[in-house]
């Protein structure tokens, strides 16, 4: 009887493990994920985890590959850099990836009763994946506007580009808002957040040095004044210095 009980326990455990594996069947063996892969994975992560079931995290050695695949920029670069695709096709794909990323942002945006993020690092890494994706998508949109313009110097072209740059800057500005939630992050997560400012905002300003970054400057100054963490303050100071240097360069040009 005892052997039978042990056997039943093992059989039940095996059943649940098998069901769990089958339930969350991520395409981790694929080298790159396309938009359809993202659609399926995001749906799984958002809607099929039950109760206290833990979602894949970087701390879980068996599941971290799911996150590494999810935030790999090579997934969208494979298509956006494909010479066989024309600008219209690339812009369409970029738009589809952006749509998936907006859904991705909901996966790990969860806090506990103490207002701490349960998946702070995971949420921030997904945010940063989106910052890089947005910049790549805007580059393509810019190229398409240029390709469709008869005169790259005309005012009509400028009128088409400026609103798009403004929208891009507003989206980056949203990332700065997370500084106001510094107490919701653990120290390691604050370091992840800080690296995001130093890396992606620097890239944005380097690629588009003539854009108006007053909005980001004001937001960075407000967040710096409110911040208590030196880990958060440092990248904000770096960003303020970078924007001021950019403004000085424009004035001297």
Protein backbone atom coordinates (compact mmCIF):
# COMPACT_ATOMS: atom_id res chain seq x y z
CA UNK A 1 0.00 0.00 0.00
CA UNK A 2 2.84 2.37 0.89
CA UNK A 3 4.58 1.68 -2.45
CA UNK A 4 1.32 2.36 -4.26
CA UNK A 5 0.95 5.71 -2.47
CA UNK A 6 4.49 6.74 -3.35
CA UNK A 7 3.90 5.73 -6.96
CA UNK A 8 0.70 7.79 -7.11
CA UNK A 9 2.48 10.84 -5.67
CA UNK A 10 5.27 10.55 -8.24
CA UNK A 11 2.79 10.01 -11.06
CA UNK A 12 0.78 13.05 -9.99
CA UNK A 13 3.93 15.20 -9.76
CA UNK A 14 5.03 14.06 -13.21
CA UNK A 15 1.58 14.88 -14.59
CA UNK A 16 1.66 18.44 -13.28
CA UNK A 17 5.22 19.04 -14.46
CA UNK A 18 4.32 17.73 -17.91
CA UNK A 19 1.21 19.90 -18.06
CA UNK A 20 3.18 22.93 -16.92
CA UNK A 21 5.85 22.36 -19.57
CA UNK A 22 3.26 21.85 -22.26
CA UNK A 23 1.25 24.85 -21.08
CA UNK A 24 4.18 27.24 -21.37
CA UNK A 25 5.76 26.10 -24.60
CA UNK A 26 8.12 28.93 -25.55
CA UNK A 27 10.08 28.75 -28.85
CA UNK A 28 13.45 29.06 -27.12
CA UNK A 29 15.19 26.90 -29.73
CA UNK A 30 14.52 29.42 -32.50
CA UNK A 31 17.48 31.69 -33.19
CA UNK A 32 15.27 34.74 -33.72
CA UNK A 33 11.71 35.50 -32.75
CA UNK A 34 9.42 37.15 -35.29
CA UNK A 35 6.24 39.13 -34.58
CA UNK A 36 4.12 35.97 -34.51
CA UNK A 37 6.42 34.42 -31.90
CA UNK A 38 6.13 37.55 -29.78
CA UNK A 39 2.36 37.48 -30.08
CA UNK A 40 2.17 33.92 -28.76
CA UNK A 41 4.78 34.36 -26.02
CA UNK A 42 3.29 37.61 -24.74
CA UNK A 43 -0.18 36.09 -24.64
CA UNK A 44 1.19 33.14 -22.68
CA UNK A 45 3.05 35.35 -20.20
CA UNK A 46 0.12 37.71 -19.68
CA UNK A 47 -2.83 35.36 -19.51
CA UNK A 48 -1.93 31.73 -18.82
CA UNK A 49 -0.05 32.07 -15.52
CA UNK A 50 -2.34 31.30 -12.60
CA UNK A 51 -2.43 32.38 -8.96
CA UNK A 52 1.02 32.53 -7.42
CA UNK A 53 2.71 30.90 -10.41
CA UNK A 54 6.01 32.74 -10.93
CA UNK A 55 6.78 34.09 -14.36
CA UNK A 56 10.25 33.63 -15.92
CA UNK A 57 12.89 35.76 -14.21
CA UNK A 58 16.59 36.41 -14.70
CA UNK A 59 17.25 34.74 -11.34
CA UNK A 60 15.77 31.46 -12.55
CA UNK A 61 18.52 29.64 -14.51
CA UNK A 62 16.02 27.37 -16.26
CA UNK A 63 13.64 30.11 -17.37
CA UNK A 64 15.88 33.13 -17.93
CA UNK A 65 16.36 32.11 -21.57
CA UNK A 66 12.73 33.13 -22.17
CA UNK A 67 13.54 36.68 -21.06
CA UNK A 68 16.83 36.75 -22.91
CA UNK A 69 14.98 35.84 -26.09
CA UNK A 70 12.19 38.31 -25.37
CA UNK A 71 14.49 41.33 -25.01
CA UNK A 72 17.03 40.40 -27.69
CA UNK A 73 17.25 43.39 -30.11
CA UNK A 74 18.58 41.07 -32.80
CA UNK A 75 15.00 39.83 -33.19
CA UNK A 76 13.82 43.08 -34.75
CA UNK A 77 17.18 44.01 -36.28
CA UNK A 78 17.11 40.83 -38.36
CA UNK A 79 14.11 42.23 -40.21
CA UNK A 80 14.71 45.97 -40.02
CA UNK A 81 18.25 45.56 -41.38
CA UNK A 82 17.26 43.07 -44.09
CA UNK A 83 18.40 44.46 -47.47
CA UNK A 84 15.81 42.29 -49.23
CA UNK A 85 12.94 44.25 -47.66
CA UNK A 86 11.90 47.69 -48.88
CA UNK A 87 11.22 50.66 -46.60
CA UNK A 88 7.47 50.13 -46.58
CA UNK A 89 7.88 46.53 -45.47
CA UNK A 90 10.42 47.44 -42.80
CA UNK A 91 8.21 50.21 -41.42
CA UNK A 92 5.27 47.82 -41.26
CA UNK A 93 7.34 45.26 -39.36
CA UNK A 94 8.68 47.95 -37.02
CA UNK A 95 5.12 49.05 -36.29
CA UNK A 96 4.12 45.48 -35.48
CA UNK A 97 7.08 45.03 -33.14
CA UNK A 98 6.18 48.29 -31.37
CA UNK A 99 2.64 47.05 -30.88
CA UNK A 100 3.96 43.86 -29.31
CA UNK A 101 6.30 45.82 -27.06
CA UNK A 102 3.39 47.85 -25.65
CA UNK A 103 1.81 44.57 -24.60
CA UNK A 104 5.14 43.33 -23.24
CA UNK A 105 5.21 46.28 -20.85
CA UNK A 106 2.20 44.86 -19.02
CA UNK A 107 3.76 41.47 -18.28
CA UNK A 108 6.01 42.38 -15.36
CA UNK A 109 4.47 45.67 -14.21
CA UNK A 110 3.33 44.22 -10.89
CA UNK A 111 3.81 45.52 -7.34
CA UNK A 112 3.26 43.90 -3.96
CA UNK A 113 1.43 45.28 -0.92
CA UNK A 114 4.53 47.31 -0.02
CA UNK A 115 4.49 48.92 -3.48
CA UNK A 116 7.67 47.07 -4.48
CA UNK A 117 8.00 45.77 -8.01
CA UNK A 118 7.87 41.98 -7.99
CA UNK A 119 9.77 41.84 -11.27
CA UNK A 120 11.68 45.14 -11.27
CA UNK A 121 14.67 44.08 -13.35
CA UNK A 122 12.54 42.22 -15.85
CA UNK A 123 10.22 45.22 -16.30
CA UNK A 124 13.14 47.62 -16.78
CA UNK A 125 14.90 45.39 -19.30
CA UNK A 126 11.69 45.23 -21.33
CA UNK A 127 11.42 49.02 -21.13
CA UNK A 128 14.96 49.36 -22.46
CA UNK A 129 14.27 46.90 -25.25
CA UNK A 130 11.49 49.29 -26.23
CA UNK A 131 13.72 52.36 -26.14
CA UNK A 132 16.11 50.76 -28.61
CA UNK A 133 13.23 49.53 -30.76
CA UNK A 134 11.61 52.98 -30.88
CA UNK A 135 14.84 54.59 -32.03
CA UNK A 136 15.29 51.97 -34.76
CA UNK A 137 11.67 52.37 -35.86
CA UNK A 138 11.97 56.15 -36.01
CA UNK A 139 15.12 55.90 -38.11
CA UNK A 140 13.15 53.91 -40.67
CA UNK A 141 10.27 56.36 -40.59
CA UNK A 142 12.72 59.20 -41.12
CA UNK A 143 14.27 57.37 -44.08
CA UNK A 144 10.85 56.82 -45.60
CA UNK A 145 9.92 60.50 -45.31
CA UNK A 146 13.21 61.43 -46.99
CA UNK A 147 12.65 58.89 -49.75
CA UNK A 148 9.20 60.30 -50.46
CA UNK A 149 10.32 63.92 -50.43
CA UNK A 150 11.27 65.76 -53.59
CA UNK A 151 13.37 68.31 -51.76
CA UNK A 152 15.12 67.39 -48.51
CA UNK A 153 15.42 71.07 -47.64
CA UNK A 154 11.78 72.08 -47.98
CA UNK A 155 9.60 73.19 -45.06
CA UNK A 156 7.06 70.45 -45.70
CA UNK A 157 9.70 67.83 -44.92
CA UNK A 158 10.60 69.62 -41.69
CA UNK A 159 6.92 69.75 -40.72
CA UNK A 160 6.66 65.98 -41.18
CA UNK A 161 9.78 65.14 -39.19
CA UNK A 162 9.39 67.42 -36.16
CA UNK A 163 6.15 65.89 -34.80
CA UNK A 164 7.66 62.41 -35.06
CA UNK A 165 10.80 63.44 -33.18
CA UNK A 166 8.63 65.13 -30.56
CA UNK A 167 6.66 61.91 -30.11
CA UNK A 168 9.88 59.91 -29.79
CA UNK A 169 11.14 62.29 -27.11
CA UNK A 170 7.83 62.05 -25.23
CA UNK A 171 8.15 58.27 -25.21
CA UNK A 172 11.67 58.52 -23.79
CA UNK A 173 10.36 61.03 -21.26
CA UNK A 174 8.03 58.31 -19.93
CA UNK A 175 11.06 56.27 -18.91
CA UNK A 176 12.30 59.17 -16.79
CA UNK A 177 9.00 59.10 -14.89
CA UNK A 178 10.11 55.81 -13.33
CA UNK A 179 12.66 57.76 -11.27
CA UNK A 180 9.74 58.97 -9.15
CA UNK A 181 9.19 55.34 -8.11
CA UNK A 182 12.73 54.79 -6.86
CA UNK A 183 11.46 53.34 -3.57
CA UNK A 184 9.67 50.61 -5.51
CA UNK A 185 12.99 49.28 -6.79
CA UNK A 186 15.73 47.36 -5.04
CA UNK A 187 19.28 48.69 -5.38
CA UNK A 188 20.26 46.31 -8.19
CA UNK A 189 17.16 47.36 -10.08
CA UNK A 190 18.06 51.02 -9.64
CA UNK A 191 21.41 50.23 -11.24
CA UNK A 192 19.59 48.63 -14.18
CA UNK A 193 17.40 51.72 -14.50
CA UNK A 194 20.43 54.01 -14.39
CA UNK A 195 22.21 52.10 -17.15
CA UNK A 196 19.15 52.57 -19.32
CA UNK A 197 19.36 56.36 -19.05
CA UNK A 198 23.10 56.45 -19.71
CA UNK A 199 22.88 54.16 -22.73
CA UNK A 200 19.67 54.94 -24.59
CA UNK A 201 19.31 58.66 -23.96
CA UNK A 202 22.90 59.18 -25.04
CA UNK A 203 22.19 57.26 -28.26
CA UNK A 204 19.07 59.34 -28.89
CA UNK A 205 20.92 62.64 -28.58
CA UNK A 206 23.88 61.43 -30.63
CA UNK A 207 21.64 60.29 -33.49
CA UNK A 208 19.47 63.43 -33.45
CA UNK A 209 21.67 66.24 -32.06
CA UNK A 210 19.52 69.00 -33.59
CA UNK A 211 16.31 67.98 -31.85
CA UNK A 212 14.73 70.03 -29.06
CA UNK A 213 15.37 68.26 -25.76
CA UNK A 214 13.98 70.93 -23.44
CA UNK A 215 11.22 68.56 -22.33
CA UNK A 216 13.75 65.91 -21.27
CA UNK A 217 15.92 68.54 -19.61
CA UNK A 218 13.06 69.86 -17.48
CA UNK A 219 11.94 66.36 -16.53
CA UNK A 220 15.48 65.28 -15.61
CA UNK A 221 15.91 68.37 -13.42
CA UNK A 222 12.61 67.75 -11.63
CA UNK A 223 13.44 64.09 -11.04
CA UNK A 224 16.93 64.97 -9.83
CA UNK A 225 15.50 67.38 -7.28
CA UNK A 226 13.13 64.71 -5.95
CA UNK A 227 15.53 61.78 -6.05
CA UNK A 228 17.12 60.45 -2.88
CA UNK A 229 19.13 57.58 -4.35
CA UNK A 230 22.64 58.45 -5.54
CA UNK A 231 22.28 55.60 -8.04
CA UNK A 232 19.34 57.43 -9.62
CA UNK A 233 20.84 60.90 -9.30
CA UNK A 234 24.02 60.11 -11.21
CA UNK A 235 22.48 59.25 -14.62
CA UNK A 236 20.08 62.19 -14.29
CA UNK A 237 23.05 64.52 -13.79
CA UNK A 238 24.77 62.92 -16.77
CA UNK A 239 21.68 63.48 -18.92
CA UNK A 240 21.36 67.12 -17.86
CA UNK A 241 25.02 67.74 -18.69
CA UNK A 242 24.64 65.99 -22.05
CA UNK A 243 21.60 68.05 -23.06
CA UNK A 244 23.22 71.31 -21.97
CA UNK A 245 26.32 70.45 -23.99
CA UNK A 246 24.11 69.68 -26.98
CA UNK A 247 22.36 73.05 -26.61
CA UNK A 248 25.70 74.86 -26.44
CA UNK A 249 26.91 73.09 -29.57
CA UNK A 250 23.76 74.14 -31.42
CA UNK A 251 24.18 77.75 -30.30
CA UNK A 252 27.79 77.84 -31.50
CA UNK A 253 27.02 76.24 -34.87
